[in-house]
Amino acid sequence: MAIRLLLADDHRMVREGIKRALTDHGFDVIGEASDGDEVVRMVSELKPEIVLLATNMPGQSGIDACRQIQANGTRSRIVMLAPHADTESFTLAMQAGANGYLVKANALSELATALRLCAAGETVIAPQMKSVMLGEAQRNRERASVAANAQASKVRGLITKREEEVLQLIADGCSTPEVASELYISQKTVKNHLASIYQKLDARDRTQAVLTAVRLGIVALN
C-alpha cells in the first residue's frame, strides 16, 4: 500500500519535481501546501502518514508549523526539508518534534528511501547533517578545553609558592607536624595555608586538594 504523503514547500517547481519523483517511487502525494499555515490545516484535514515540510516557509516557518502540528496531537510523522545542513535549524527542528531532517541536496532516490524509513518509525537525518554535527562536537570539545585550560591557569595563579610547597609535601604523604618541621614553620601556619588552599581549590579536605592540584599540574605524585 502506498505511503500517503503531504508535501509542503513554497516553491512550486520544487514541489512538482519532488512530487513526480516520489510518485514514481510509489508514494501517494495526497496534498501540497505552499505556506506554514496551510500545511497545519491540511495535516488536520488529510491526516497523511508523512509530512515532508520545508524549513523555510512564508507565514509561520516550517519549524513553527511542525511544532503546532505536533501540539495538535497528530499521528503524522514529520520530516523537515532544509536548503542546506544547518546546526541551528536542525536543533530547532528536533526540539519542535520532527522525526527527520533532510536537505534538498540529497538525491530524490535517497529522499524516497529516507521517507520510507521514517514511515517505518525511524528517525532520519541527512548524511551532510551528521558531518556538521561531528564538526560542531569537535569545536565544542576544543572550546571546552580552552576554557578548562584558562580556568586551570587562573587557579594555579592563585596558589602561592609556599602553598605549593605545603601541597607537595601533603601529596608526598607528610602529616601536618612533618610539613611544619620540613618548612620550619608552625603547625598553626600549616593549617592556615591548608585553609587557604581548600578555599582556592574548592576542596573539602587535603585528599581532594591534592587530587585537584595534581589535575591542575600544581604538584606531582611521586
N, C-alpha and C. Protein backbone atom coordinates (compact mmCIF):
# COMPACT_ATOMS: atom_id res chain seq x y z
N MET A 1 0.84 -1.20 0.00
CA MET A 1 0.00 0.00 0.00
C MET A 1 0.87 1.25 0.00
N ALA A 2 0.56 2.22 -0.84
CA ALA A 2 1.38 3.42 -0.97
C ALA A 2 1.32 4.26 0.30
N ILE A 3 2.45 4.87 0.64
CA ILE A 3 2.52 5.76 1.80
C ILE A 3 1.89 7.09 1.43
N ARG A 4 0.94 7.54 2.25
CA ARG A 4 0.22 8.79 1.99
C ARG A 4 1.06 9.95 2.51
N LEU A 5 1.39 10.88 1.63
CA LEU A 5 2.34 11.95 1.96
C LEU A 5 1.78 13.32 1.61
N LEU A 6 2.01 14.26 2.51
CA LEU A 6 1.68 15.66 2.26
C LEU A 6 2.98 16.41 2.03
N LEU A 7 3.06 17.16 0.94
CA LEU A 7 4.27 17.87 0.55
C LEU A 7 4.09 19.37 0.78
N ALA A 8 4.98 19.98 1.53
CA ALA A 8 4.87 21.41 1.84
C ALA A 8 6.17 22.13 1.52
N ASP A 9 6.10 22.98 0.49
CA ASP A 9 7.24 23.80 0.08
C ASP A 9 6.68 25.01 -0.66
N ASP A 10 7.28 26.16 -0.45
CA ASP A 10 6.71 27.37 -1.06
C ASP A 10 7.12 27.54 -2.52
N HIS A 11 8.01 26.70 -3.03
CA HIS A 11 8.42 26.80 -4.44
C HIS A 11 7.67 25.76 -5.26
N ARG A 12 6.83 26.19 -6.19
CA ARG A 12 6.00 25.29 -6.97
C ARG A 12 6.84 24.31 -7.78
N MET A 13 7.92 24.80 -8.41
CA MET A 13 8.76 23.93 -9.23
C MET A 13 9.40 22.84 -8.38
N VAL A 14 9.81 23.21 -7.15
CA VAL A 14 10.40 22.21 -6.25
C VAL A 14 9.36 21.16 -5.90
N ARG A 15 8.15 21.61 -5.57
CA ARG A 15 7.08 20.66 -5.23
C ARG A 15 6.80 19.71 -6.39
N GLU A 16 6.72 20.27 -7.58
CA GLU A 16 6.41 19.44 -8.75
C GLU A 16 7.48 18.38 -8.97
N GLY A 17 8.75 18.79 -8.84
CA GLY A 17 9.85 17.84 -9.04
C GLY A 17 9.84 16.73 -7.99
N ILE A 18 9.65 17.11 -6.73
CA ILE A 18 9.63 16.12 -5.66
C ILE A 18 8.40 15.22 -5.79
N LYS A 19 7.26 15.81 -6.10
CA LYS A 19 6.02 15.03 -6.24
C LYS A 19 6.17 13.99 -7.34
N ARG A 20 6.73 14.39 -8.49
CA ARG A 20 6.88 13.46 -9.61
C ARG A 20 7.81 12.30 -9.22
N ALA A 21 8.90 12.65 -8.54
CA ALA A 21 9.87 11.61 -8.15
C ALA A 21 9.28 10.66 -7.11
N LEU A 22 8.61 11.22 -6.12
CA LEU A 22 8.05 10.36 -5.07
C LEU A 22 6.91 9.50 -5.59
N THR A 23 6.13 10.03 -6.51
CA THR A 23 5.07 9.25 -7.13
C THR A 23 5.67 8.07 -7.89
N ASP A 24 6.78 8.34 -8.59
CA ASP A 24 7.47 7.27 -9.32
C ASP A 24 8.02 6.21 -8.37
N HIS A 25 8.30 6.63 -7.12
CA HIS A 25 8.83 5.69 -6.13
C HIS A 25 7.72 5.06 -5.29
N GLY A 26 6.48 5.24 -5.71
CA GLY A 26 5.38 4.53 -5.06
C GLY A 26 4.67 5.27 -3.96
N PHE A 27 4.95 6.56 -3.76
CA PHE A 27 4.26 7.34 -2.74
C PHE A 27 2.95 7.90 -3.30
N ASP A 28 2.00 8.10 -2.41
CA ASP A 28 0.74 8.74 -2.78
C ASP A 28 0.74 10.16 -2.22
N VAL A 29 1.08 11.14 -3.05
CA VAL A 29 1.14 12.54 -2.61
C VAL A 29 -0.30 13.06 -2.59
N ILE A 30 -0.89 13.11 -1.40
CA ILE A 30 -2.32 13.41 -1.27
C ILE A 30 -2.61 14.91 -1.17
N GLY A 31 -1.56 15.73 -1.05
CA GLY A 31 -1.80 17.16 -0.97
C GLY A 31 -0.52 17.95 -1.02
N GLU A 32 -0.63 19.22 -1.37
CA GLU A 32 0.52 20.12 -1.43
C GLU A 32 0.16 21.42 -0.71
N ALA A 33 1.10 21.93 0.08
CA ALA A 33 0.91 23.19 0.79
C ALA A 33 2.04 24.13 0.43
N SER A 34 1.72 25.42 0.39
CA SER A 34 2.73 26.40 -0.01
C SER A 34 3.11 27.37 1.10
N ASP A 35 2.47 27.26 2.28
CA ASP A 35 2.88 28.11 3.41
C ASP A 35 2.62 27.36 4.71
N GLY A 36 3.18 27.90 5.79
CA GLY A 36 3.11 27.21 7.07
C GLY A 36 1.71 27.05 7.62
N ASP A 37 0.89 28.05 7.49
CA ASP A 37 -0.48 27.97 8.00
C ASP A 37 -1.29 26.92 7.23
N GLU A 38 -1.06 26.87 5.92
CA GLU A 38 -1.80 25.93 5.08
C GLU A 38 -1.46 24.49 5.43
N VAL A 39 -0.19 24.22 5.69
CA VAL A 39 0.19 22.84 5.98
C VAL A 39 -0.40 22.37 7.29
N VAL A 40 -0.49 23.25 8.29
CA VAL A 40 -1.11 22.87 9.56
C VAL A 40 -2.57 22.46 9.34
N ARG A 41 -3.29 23.26 8.56
CA ARG A 41 -4.70 22.97 8.26
C ARG A 41 -4.84 21.67 7.47
N MET A 42 -3.98 21.46 6.48
CA MET A 42 -4.10 20.28 5.62
C MET A 42 -3.75 19.00 6.37
N VAL A 43 -2.80 19.06 7.30
CA VAL A 43 -2.47 17.88 8.09
C VAL A 43 -3.69 17.45 8.90
N SER A 44 -4.38 18.44 9.49
CA SER A 44 -5.58 18.15 10.27
C SER A 44 -6.68 17.53 9.42
N GLU A 45 -6.82 18.00 8.19
CA GLU A 45 -7.89 17.52 7.31
C GLU A 45 -7.56 16.18 6.65
N LEU A 46 -6.33 16.05 6.15
CA LEU A 46 -5.97 14.89 5.33
C LEU A 46 -5.35 13.74 6.11
N LYS A 47 -4.75 14.05 7.27
CA LYS A 47 -4.12 13.04 8.12
C LYS A 47 -3.15 12.14 7.35
N PRO A 48 -2.13 12.73 6.75
CA PRO A 48 -1.15 11.94 6.00
C PRO A 48 -0.27 11.11 6.94
N GLU A 49 0.33 10.08 6.40
CA GLU A 49 1.29 9.29 7.19
C GLU A 49 2.59 10.07 7.37
N ILE A 50 3.01 10.76 6.30
CA ILE A 50 4.26 11.52 6.31
C ILE A 50 3.98 12.95 5.84
N VAL A 51 4.62 13.91 6.53
CA VAL A 51 4.60 15.30 6.06
C VAL A 51 6.04 15.67 5.71
N LEU A 52 6.29 15.99 4.46
CA LEU A 52 7.61 16.48 4.05
C LEU A 52 7.51 17.99 4.03
N LEU A 53 8.14 18.64 5.01
CA LEU A 53 7.89 20.04 5.30
C LEU A 53 9.17 20.88 5.20
N ALA A 54 9.18 21.85 4.29
CA ALA A 54 10.34 22.73 4.14
C ALA A 54 10.52 23.59 5.39
N THR A 55 11.77 23.79 5.80
CA THR A 55 12.03 24.60 7.00
C THR A 55 11.68 26.06 6.76
N ASN A 56 11.94 26.55 5.53
CA ASN A 56 11.66 27.95 5.21
C ASN A 56 10.34 28.06 4.46
N MET A 57 9.35 28.63 5.13
CA MET A 57 8.02 28.78 4.53
C MET A 57 7.50 30.17 4.84
N PRO A 58 6.67 30.74 3.94
CA PRO A 58 6.02 32.02 4.26
C PRO A 58 4.97 31.81 5.35
N GLY A 59 4.54 32.91 5.97
CA GLY A 59 3.64 32.78 7.11
C GLY A 59 4.45 32.29 8.28
N GLN A 60 3.95 31.32 9.02
CA GLN A 60 4.78 30.73 10.06
C GLN A 60 5.79 29.79 9.40
N SER A 61 6.98 29.72 9.96
CA SER A 61 8.04 28.91 9.37
C SER A 61 7.66 27.44 9.42
N GLY A 62 8.39 26.64 8.65
CA GLY A 62 8.15 25.22 8.67
C GLY A 62 8.36 24.63 10.05
N ILE A 63 9.37 25.13 10.77
CA ILE A 63 9.65 24.62 12.11
C ILE A 63 8.51 24.98 13.07
N ASP A 64 8.00 26.21 12.96
CA ASP A 64 6.84 26.60 13.78
C ASP A 64 5.62 25.75 13.44
N ALA A 65 5.44 25.49 12.15
CA ALA A 65 4.32 24.65 11.71
C ALA A 65 4.47 23.24 12.28
N CYS A 66 5.68 22.73 12.27
CA CYS A 66 5.95 21.40 12.83
C CYS A 66 5.57 21.37 14.31
N ARG A 67 5.97 22.39 15.02
CA ARG A 67 5.65 22.47 16.46
C ARG A 67 4.14 22.49 16.68
N GLN A 68 3.42 23.24 15.86
CA GLN A 68 1.96 23.32 16.01
C GLN A 68 1.27 22.01 15.64
N ILE A 69 1.76 21.39 14.58
CA ILE A 69 1.20 20.10 14.17
C ILE A 69 1.34 19.06 15.29
N GLN A 70 2.51 19.03 15.89
CA GLN A 70 2.75 18.08 16.98
C GLN A 70 1.89 18.41 18.19
N ALA A 71 1.72 19.72 18.46
CA ALA A 71 0.88 20.14 19.58
C ALA A 71 -0.58 19.74 19.37
N ASN A 72 -0.99 19.62 18.12
CA ASN A 72 -2.36 19.23 17.80
C ASN A 72 -2.62 17.73 17.99
N GLY A 73 -1.56 17.00 18.31
CA GLY A 73 -1.70 15.57 18.59
C GLY A 73 -1.78 14.69 17.37
N THR A 74 -1.19 15.12 16.27
CA THR A 74 -1.24 14.33 15.04
C THR A 74 -0.42 13.05 15.15
N ARG A 75 -0.82 12.06 14.37
CA ARG A 75 -0.03 10.84 14.26
C ARG A 75 0.89 10.89 13.05
N SER A 76 0.78 11.94 12.27
CA SER A 76 1.63 12.10 11.08
C SER A 76 3.08 12.25 11.52
N ARG A 77 3.96 11.63 10.78
CA ARG A 77 5.40 11.79 11.05
C ARG A 77 5.93 12.90 10.15
N ILE A 78 6.75 13.76 10.73
CA ILE A 78 7.17 14.98 10.03
C ILE A 78 8.66 14.93 9.72
N VAL A 79 8.98 15.12 8.46
CA VAL A 79 10.38 15.21 8.03
C VAL A 79 10.62 16.62 7.51
N MET A 80 11.56 17.32 8.15
CA MET A 80 11.89 18.66 7.71
C MET A 80 12.84 18.60 6.52
N LEU A 81 12.64 19.49 5.56
CA LEU A 81 13.49 19.55 4.36
C LEU A 81 14.15 20.92 4.33
N ALA A 82 15.46 20.95 4.55
CA ALA A 82 16.20 22.21 4.66
C ALA A 82 16.98 22.50 3.38
N PRO A 83 17.25 23.78 3.11
CA PRO A 83 18.02 24.11 1.91
C PRO A 83 19.47 23.64 2.00
N HIS A 84 19.98 23.55 3.21
CA HIS A 84 21.35 23.04 3.41
C HIS A 84 21.48 22.59 4.86
N ALA A 85 22.52 21.84 5.15
CA ALA A 85 22.75 21.34 6.51
C ALA A 85 23.11 22.50 7.42
N ASP A 86 22.31 22.69 8.45
CA ASP A 86 22.50 23.83 9.35
C ASP A 86 22.24 23.37 10.79
N THR A 87 23.21 23.56 11.65
CA THR A 87 23.11 23.09 13.03
C THR A 87 21.94 23.73 13.77
N GLU A 88 21.77 25.03 13.60
CA GLU A 88 20.72 25.73 14.34
C GLU A 88 19.33 25.25 13.93
N SER A 89 19.07 25.18 12.62
CA SER A 89 17.74 24.76 12.18
C SER A 89 17.51 23.29 12.51
N PHE A 90 18.55 22.47 12.47
CA PHE A 90 18.43 21.06 12.85
C PHE A 90 18.00 20.94 14.31
N THR A 91 18.68 21.70 15.18
CA THR A 91 18.36 21.66 16.61
C THR A 91 16.92 22.11 16.86
N LEU A 92 16.53 23.21 16.20
CA LEU A 92 15.17 23.73 16.36
C LEU A 92 14.14 22.73 15.84
N ALA A 93 14.45 22.08 14.73
CA ALA A 93 13.52 21.10 14.16
C ALA A 93 13.31 19.91 15.10
N MET A 94 14.41 19.41 15.67
CA MET A 94 14.30 18.29 16.60
C MET A 94 13.53 18.69 17.86
N GLN A 95 13.77 19.90 18.33
CA GLN A 95 13.05 20.40 19.50
C GLN A 95 11.56 20.57 19.20
N ALA A 96 11.24 20.87 17.95
CA ALA A 96 9.84 21.06 17.56
C ALA A 96 9.11 19.73 17.39
N GLY A 97 9.85 18.63 17.43
CA GLY A 97 9.23 17.31 17.34
C GLY A 97 9.34 16.63 15.99
N ALA A 98 10.23 17.13 15.13
CA ALA A 98 10.40 16.50 13.82
C ALA A 98 10.93 15.08 13.96
N ASN A 99 10.54 14.23 13.03
CA ASN A 99 11.01 12.84 13.01
C ASN A 99 12.15 12.63 12.03
N GLY A 100 12.55 13.70 11.36
CA GLY A 100 13.65 13.59 10.41
C GLY A 100 14.07 14.96 9.92
N TYR A 101 15.28 15.01 9.38
CA TYR A 101 15.83 16.27 8.87
C TYR A 101 16.68 15.93 7.65
N LEU A 102 16.20 16.34 6.48
CA LEU A 102 16.91 16.08 5.23
C LEU A 102 17.22 17.41 4.55
N VAL A 103 18.10 17.37 3.56
CA VAL A 103 18.45 18.59 2.83
C VAL A 103 18.14 18.40 1.35
N LYS A 104 17.88 19.51 0.68
CA LYS A 104 17.45 19.45 -0.71
C LYS A 104 18.55 18.95 -1.64
N ALA A 105 19.79 18.93 -1.15
CA ALA A 105 20.89 18.42 -1.98
C ALA A 105 20.87 16.90 -2.09
N ASN A 106 20.10 16.23 -1.20
CA ASN A 106 20.00 14.77 -1.28
C ASN A 106 19.35 14.35 -2.59
N ALA A 107 19.82 13.27 -3.16
CA ALA A 107 19.20 12.73 -4.37
C ALA A 107 17.77 12.33 -4.05
N LEU A 108 16.89 12.44 -5.05
CA LEU A 108 15.48 12.11 -4.83
C LEU A 108 15.30 10.64 -4.45
N SER A 109 16.16 9.77 -4.95
CA SER A 109 16.07 8.35 -4.58
C SER A 109 16.41 8.18 -3.09
N GLU A 110 17.40 8.96 -2.61
CA GLU A 110 17.76 8.92 -1.20
C GLU A 110 16.62 9.47 -0.35
N LEU A 111 15.96 10.51 -0.86
CA LEU A 111 14.82 11.10 -0.16
C LEU A 111 13.71 10.06 0.00
N ALA A 112 13.42 9.34 -1.06
CA ALA A 112 12.37 8.32 -1.01
C ALA A 112 12.71 7.24 0.01
N THR A 113 13.96 6.80 0.00
CA THR A 113 14.39 5.76 0.95
C THR A 113 14.25 6.26 2.38
N ALA A 114 14.68 7.50 2.63
CA ALA A 114 14.60 8.07 3.98
C ALA A 114 13.16 8.20 4.44
N LEU A 115 12.26 8.59 3.55
CA LEU A 115 10.85 8.74 3.91
C LEU A 115 10.22 7.39 4.24
N ARG A 116 10.62 6.34 3.54
CA ARG A 116 10.10 5.01 3.87
C ARG A 116 10.58 4.58 5.25
N LEU A 117 11.84 4.87 5.55
CA LEU A 117 12.37 4.53 6.88
C LEU A 117 11.63 5.30 7.97
N CYS A 118 11.34 6.56 7.69
CA CYS A 118 10.62 7.38 8.67
C CYS A 118 9.21 6.83 8.88
N ALA A 119 8.55 6.44 7.80
CA ALA A 119 7.21 5.87 7.90
C ALA A 119 7.22 4.58 8.72
N ALA A 120 8.36 3.89 8.71
CA ALA A 120 8.50 2.65 9.48
C ALA A 120 8.87 2.91 10.94
N GLY A 121 9.00 4.19 11.30
CA GLY A 121 9.24 4.53 12.70
C GLY A 121 10.64 4.99 13.04
N GLU A 122 11.51 5.10 12.05
CA GLU A 122 12.88 5.53 12.31
C GLU A 122 13.02 7.05 12.19
N THR A 123 14.01 7.58 12.90
CA THR A 123 14.38 8.98 12.74
C THR A 123 15.44 9.07 11.65
N VAL A 124 15.23 9.94 10.68
CA VAL A 124 16.15 10.01 9.54
C VAL A 124 16.86 11.36 9.54
N ILE A 125 18.17 11.31 9.35
CA ILE A 125 18.99 12.52 9.35
C ILE A 125 19.90 12.50 8.13
N ALA A 126 19.96 13.62 7.44
CA ALA A 126 20.79 13.72 6.23
C ALA A 126 22.26 13.44 6.57
N PRO A 127 22.96 12.70 5.70
CA PRO A 127 24.39 12.45 5.94
C PRO A 127 25.18 13.74 6.11
N GLN A 128 24.82 14.78 5.35
CA GLN A 128 25.51 16.07 5.48
C GLN A 128 25.38 16.62 6.90
N MET A 129 24.23 16.39 7.51
CA MET A 129 23.99 16.90 8.85
C MET A 129 24.85 16.19 9.87
N LYS A 130 25.08 14.91 9.65
CA LYS A 130 25.91 14.14 10.57
C LYS A 130 27.33 14.69 10.56
N SER A 131 27.84 15.07 9.37
CA SER A 131 29.17 15.66 9.26
C SER A 131 29.23 17.01 10.00
N VAL A 132 28.17 17.80 9.81
CA VAL A 132 28.11 19.10 10.50
C VAL A 132 28.09 18.90 12.01
N MET A 133 27.32 17.90 12.47
CA MET A 133 27.22 17.63 13.90
C MET A 133 28.55 17.19 14.48
N LEU A 134 29.27 16.34 13.74
CA LEU A 134 30.58 15.90 14.20
C LEU A 134 31.56 17.07 14.30
N GLY A 135 31.50 17.96 13.29
CA GLY A 135 32.36 19.14 13.32
C GLY A 135 32.03 20.05 14.48
N GLU A 136 30.73 20.23 14.74
CA GLU A 136 30.31 21.09 15.85
C GLU A 136 30.71 20.48 17.19
N ALA A 137 30.60 19.16 17.31
CA ALA A 137 31.01 18.49 18.54
C ALA A 137 32.50 18.67 18.78
N GLN A 138 33.31 18.58 17.71
CA GLN A 138 34.74 18.78 17.85
C GLN A 138 35.05 20.21 18.27
N ARG A 139 34.34 21.19 17.68
CA ARG A 139 34.56 22.58 18.07
C ARG A 139 34.15 22.82 19.52
N ASN A 140 33.08 22.17 19.97
CA ASN A 140 32.65 22.30 21.36
C ASN A 140 33.70 21.73 22.31
N ARG A 141 34.29 20.58 21.92
CA ARG A 141 35.34 19.99 22.76
C ARG A 141 36.55 20.92 22.83
N GLU A 142 36.88 21.53 21.70
CA GLU A 142 38.03 22.43 21.68
C GLU A 142 37.76 23.67 22.53
N ARG A 143 36.52 24.21 22.42
CA ARG A 143 36.17 25.38 23.24
C ARG A 143 36.20 25.02 24.73
N ALA A 144 35.69 23.83 25.06
CA ALA A 144 35.69 23.40 26.46
C ALA A 144 37.10 23.23 26.97
N SER A 145 37.99 22.70 26.11
CA SER A 145 39.38 22.51 26.51
C SER A 145 40.08 23.84 26.75
N VAL A 146 39.83 24.81 25.87
CA VAL A 146 40.42 26.14 26.05
C VAL A 146 39.92 26.78 27.34
N ALA A 147 38.60 26.65 27.59
CA ALA A 147 38.02 27.24 28.80
C ALA A 147 38.59 26.57 30.05
N ALA A 148 38.73 25.23 29.99
CA ALA A 148 39.27 24.50 31.14
C ALA A 148 40.71 24.88 31.40
N ASN A 149 41.50 25.02 30.33
CA ASN A 149 42.90 25.42 30.50
C ASN A 149 43.02 26.83 31.07
N ALA A 150 42.12 27.71 30.62
CA ALA A 150 42.14 29.08 31.14
C ALA A 150 41.79 29.08 32.62
N GLN A 151 40.78 28.27 33.00
CA GLN A 151 40.38 28.19 34.40
C GLN A 151 41.49 27.60 35.25
N ALA A 152 42.14 26.55 34.72
CA ALA A 152 43.24 25.92 35.46
C ALA A 152 44.39 26.90 35.65
N SER A 153 44.70 27.67 34.61
CA SER A 153 45.76 28.66 34.71
C SER A 153 45.43 29.72 35.75
N LYS A 154 44.16 30.12 35.78
CA LYS A 154 43.72 31.12 36.76
C LYS A 154 43.88 30.59 38.18
N VAL A 155 43.47 29.34 38.41
CA VAL A 155 43.57 28.75 39.75
C VAL A 155 45.03 28.59 40.15
N ARG A 156 45.86 28.11 39.19
CA ARG A 156 47.29 27.95 39.50
C ARG A 156 47.91 29.27 39.91
N GLY A 157 47.45 30.36 39.29
CA GLY A 157 47.98 31.67 39.61
C GLY A 157 47.64 32.14 41.01
N LEU A 158 46.60 31.55 41.61
CA LEU A 158 46.19 31.94 42.97
C LEU A 158 47.03 31.26 44.05
N ILE A 159 47.61 30.11 43.70
CA ILE A 159 48.38 29.34 44.68
C ILE A 159 49.77 29.95 44.83
N THR A 160 50.12 30.34 46.07
CA THR A 160 51.43 30.93 46.33
C THR A 160 52.51 29.86 46.32
N LYS A 161 53.75 30.30 46.29
CA LYS A 161 54.87 29.37 46.30
C LYS A 161 54.88 28.53 47.57
N ARG A 162 54.61 29.17 48.71
CA ARG A 162 54.59 28.44 49.97
C ARG A 162 53.45 27.42 50.01
N GLU A 163 52.28 27.81 49.49
CA GLU A 163 51.15 26.88 49.44
C GLU A 163 51.45 25.70 48.53
N GLU A 164 52.16 25.97 47.47
CA GLU A 164 52.58 24.89 46.57
C GLU A 164 53.50 23.92 47.30
N GLU A 165 54.42 24.46 48.11
CA GLU A 165 55.33 23.61 48.89
C GLU A 165 54.55 22.76 49.90
N VAL A 166 53.57 23.37 50.55
CA VAL A 166 52.73 22.63 51.50
C VAL A 166 51.98 21.51 50.78
N LEU A 167 51.39 21.84 49.65
CA LEU A 167 50.65 20.85 48.86
C LEU A 167 51.54 19.69 48.44
N GLN A 168 52.75 19.99 47.98
CA GLN A 168 53.63 18.93 47.51
C GLN A 168 54.01 18.00 48.65
N LEU A 169 54.26 18.56 49.84
CA LEU A 169 54.59 17.71 50.99
C LEU A 169 53.39 16.86 51.41
N ILE A 170 52.19 17.44 51.36
CA ILE A 170 50.97 16.67 51.66
C ILE A 170 50.81 15.54 50.64
N ALA A 171 51.07 15.86 49.36
CA ALA A 171 50.99 14.85 48.31
C ALA A 171 52.01 13.75 48.52
N ASP A 172 53.14 14.08 49.13
CA ASP A 172 54.19 13.10 49.41
C ASP A 172 53.86 12.26 50.64
N GLY A 173 52.74 12.58 51.31
CA GLY A 173 52.31 11.78 52.45
C GLY A 173 52.68 12.34 53.80
N CYS A 174 53.16 13.57 53.87
CA CYS A 174 53.57 14.16 55.14
C CYS A 174 52.36 14.59 55.96
N SER A 175 52.48 14.44 57.28
CA SER A 175 51.45 14.92 58.18
C SER A 175 51.66 16.41 58.44
N THR A 176 50.72 17.03 59.15
CA THR A 176 50.85 18.46 59.45
C THR A 176 52.13 18.75 60.25
N PRO A 177 52.43 17.98 61.30
CA PRO A 177 53.69 18.23 62.03
C PRO A 177 54.93 18.06 61.13
N GLU A 178 54.88 17.06 60.24
CA GLU A 178 56.03 16.82 59.35
C GLU A 178 56.19 17.97 58.35
N VAL A 179 55.08 18.51 57.85
CA VAL A 179 55.15 19.65 56.95
C VAL A 179 55.74 20.85 57.68
N ALA A 180 55.28 21.07 58.91
CA ALA A 180 55.78 22.20 59.72
C ALA A 180 57.29 22.07 59.95
N SER A 181 57.73 20.85 60.25
CA SER A 181 59.15 20.63 60.50
C SER A 181 59.98 20.83 59.24
N GLU A 182 59.46 20.32 58.13
CA GLU A 182 60.19 20.40 56.86
C GLU A 182 60.35 21.84 56.39
N LEU A 183 59.32 22.68 56.63
CA LEU A 183 59.34 24.06 56.14
C LEU A 183 59.74 25.07 57.21
N TYR A 184 60.02 24.57 58.41
CA TYR A 184 60.43 25.43 59.53
C TYR A 184 59.36 26.49 59.84
N ILE A 185 58.11 26.02 59.88
CA ILE A 185 57.00 26.89 60.26
C ILE A 185 56.17 26.17 61.31
N SER A 186 55.28 26.88 61.96
CA SER A 186 54.46 26.27 63.00
C SER A 186 53.34 25.45 62.37
N GLN A 187 52.80 24.53 63.18
CA GLN A 187 51.68 23.73 62.71
C GLN A 187 50.46 24.61 62.43
N LYS A 188 50.28 25.66 63.23
CA LYS A 188 49.18 26.58 63.00
C LYS A 188 49.29 27.25 61.64
N THR A 189 50.55 27.61 61.29
CA THR A 189 50.77 28.23 59.97
C THR A 189 50.45 27.25 58.86
N VAL A 190 50.81 25.98 59.05
CA VAL A 190 50.48 24.95 58.06
C VAL A 190 48.97 24.85 57.89
N LYS A 191 48.26 24.84 59.02
CA LYS A 191 46.80 24.75 58.95
C LYS A 191 46.19 25.97 58.27
N ASN A 192 46.79 27.14 58.50
CA ASN A 192 46.31 28.35 57.83
C ASN A 192 46.51 28.25 56.32
N HIS A 193 47.68 27.72 55.92
CA HIS A 193 47.96 27.52 54.50
C HIS A 193 46.95 26.53 53.89
N LEU A 194 46.66 25.45 54.64
CA LEU A 194 45.73 24.45 54.14
C LEU A 194 44.32 25.04 53.98
N ALA A 195 43.91 25.87 54.94
CA ALA A 195 42.60 26.50 54.84
C ALA A 195 42.51 27.38 53.60
N SER A 196 43.59 28.11 53.31
CA SER A 196 43.64 28.96 52.13
C SER A 196 43.61 28.12 50.85
N ILE A 197 44.34 27.00 50.89
CA ILE A 197 44.39 26.10 49.73
C ILE A 197 43.01 25.52 49.45
N TYR A 198 42.32 25.06 50.52
CA TYR A 198 40.99 24.48 50.35
C TYR A 198 40.05 25.47 49.67
N GLN A 199 40.14 26.73 50.10
CA GLN A 199 39.25 27.74 49.54
C GLN A 199 39.56 27.98 48.07
N LYS A 200 40.84 28.10 47.74
CA LYS A 200 41.24 28.40 46.37
C LYS A 200 40.94 27.24 45.42
N LEU A 201 41.06 26.01 45.92
CA LEU A 201 40.84 24.84 45.07
C LEU A 201 39.43 24.28 45.22
N ASP A 202 38.61 24.94 46.03
CA ASP A 202 37.24 24.49 46.26
C ASP A 202 37.25 23.03 46.71
N ALA A 203 38.10 22.74 47.70
CA ALA A 203 38.29 21.38 48.20
C ALA A 203 37.77 21.25 49.63
N ARG A 204 37.28 20.06 49.96
CA ARG A 204 36.75 19.81 51.30
C ARG A 204 37.85 19.40 52.27
N ASP A 205 38.86 18.69 51.78
CA ASP A 205 39.90 18.16 52.65
C ASP A 205 41.21 18.06 51.88
N ARG A 206 42.23 17.57 52.57
CA ARG A 206 43.56 17.52 51.93
C ARG A 206 43.61 16.54 50.77
N THR A 207 42.86 15.45 50.86
CA THR A 207 42.85 14.48 49.75
C THR A 207 42.30 15.11 48.48
N GLN A 208 41.16 15.77 48.61
CA GLN A 208 40.56 16.42 47.45
C GLN A 208 41.46 17.54 46.93
N ALA A 209 42.11 18.26 47.86
CA ALA A 209 43.01 19.34 47.47
C ALA A 209 44.18 18.80 46.66
N VAL A 210 44.73 17.68 47.10
CA VAL A 210 45.87 17.09 46.40
C VAL A 210 45.44 16.60 45.01
N LEU A 211 44.30 15.93 44.94
CA LEU A 211 43.82 15.43 43.65
C LEU A 211 43.59 16.57 42.66
N THR A 212 43.00 17.66 43.15
CA THR A 212 42.77 18.81 42.28
C THR A 212 44.09 19.44 41.86
N ALA A 213 45.01 19.54 42.79
CA ALA A 213 46.32 20.14 42.49
C ALA A 213 47.09 19.30 41.48
N VAL A 214 46.96 17.99 41.56
CA VAL A 214 47.62 17.11 40.59
C VAL A 214 46.99 17.31 39.22
N ARG A 215 45.65 17.37 39.17
CA ARG A 215 44.95 17.56 37.90
C ARG A 215 45.33 18.87 37.24
N LEU A 216 45.55 19.90 38.06
CA LEU A 216 45.89 21.21 37.53
C LEU A 216 47.39 21.38 37.26
N GLY A 217 48.15 20.34 37.60
CA GLY A 217 49.60 20.41 37.36
C GLY A 217 50.36 21.24 38.37
N ILE A 218 49.77 21.47 39.55
CA ILE A 218 50.45 22.27 40.57
C ILE A 218 51.47 21.43 41.32
N VAL A 219 51.12 20.17 41.58
CA VAL A 219 52.03 19.24 42.25
C VAL A 219 52.04 17.93 41.48
N ALA A 220 52.97 17.05 41.86
CA ALA A 220 53.06 15.74 41.22
C ALA A 220 53.10 14.67 42.27
N LEU A 221 52.53 13.51 41.96
CA LEU A 221 52.59 12.37 42.86
C LEU A 221 53.88 11.60 42.57
N ASN A 222 54.69 11.45 43.61
CA ASN A 222 55.97 10.77 43.43
C ASN A 222 55.85 9.30 43.78
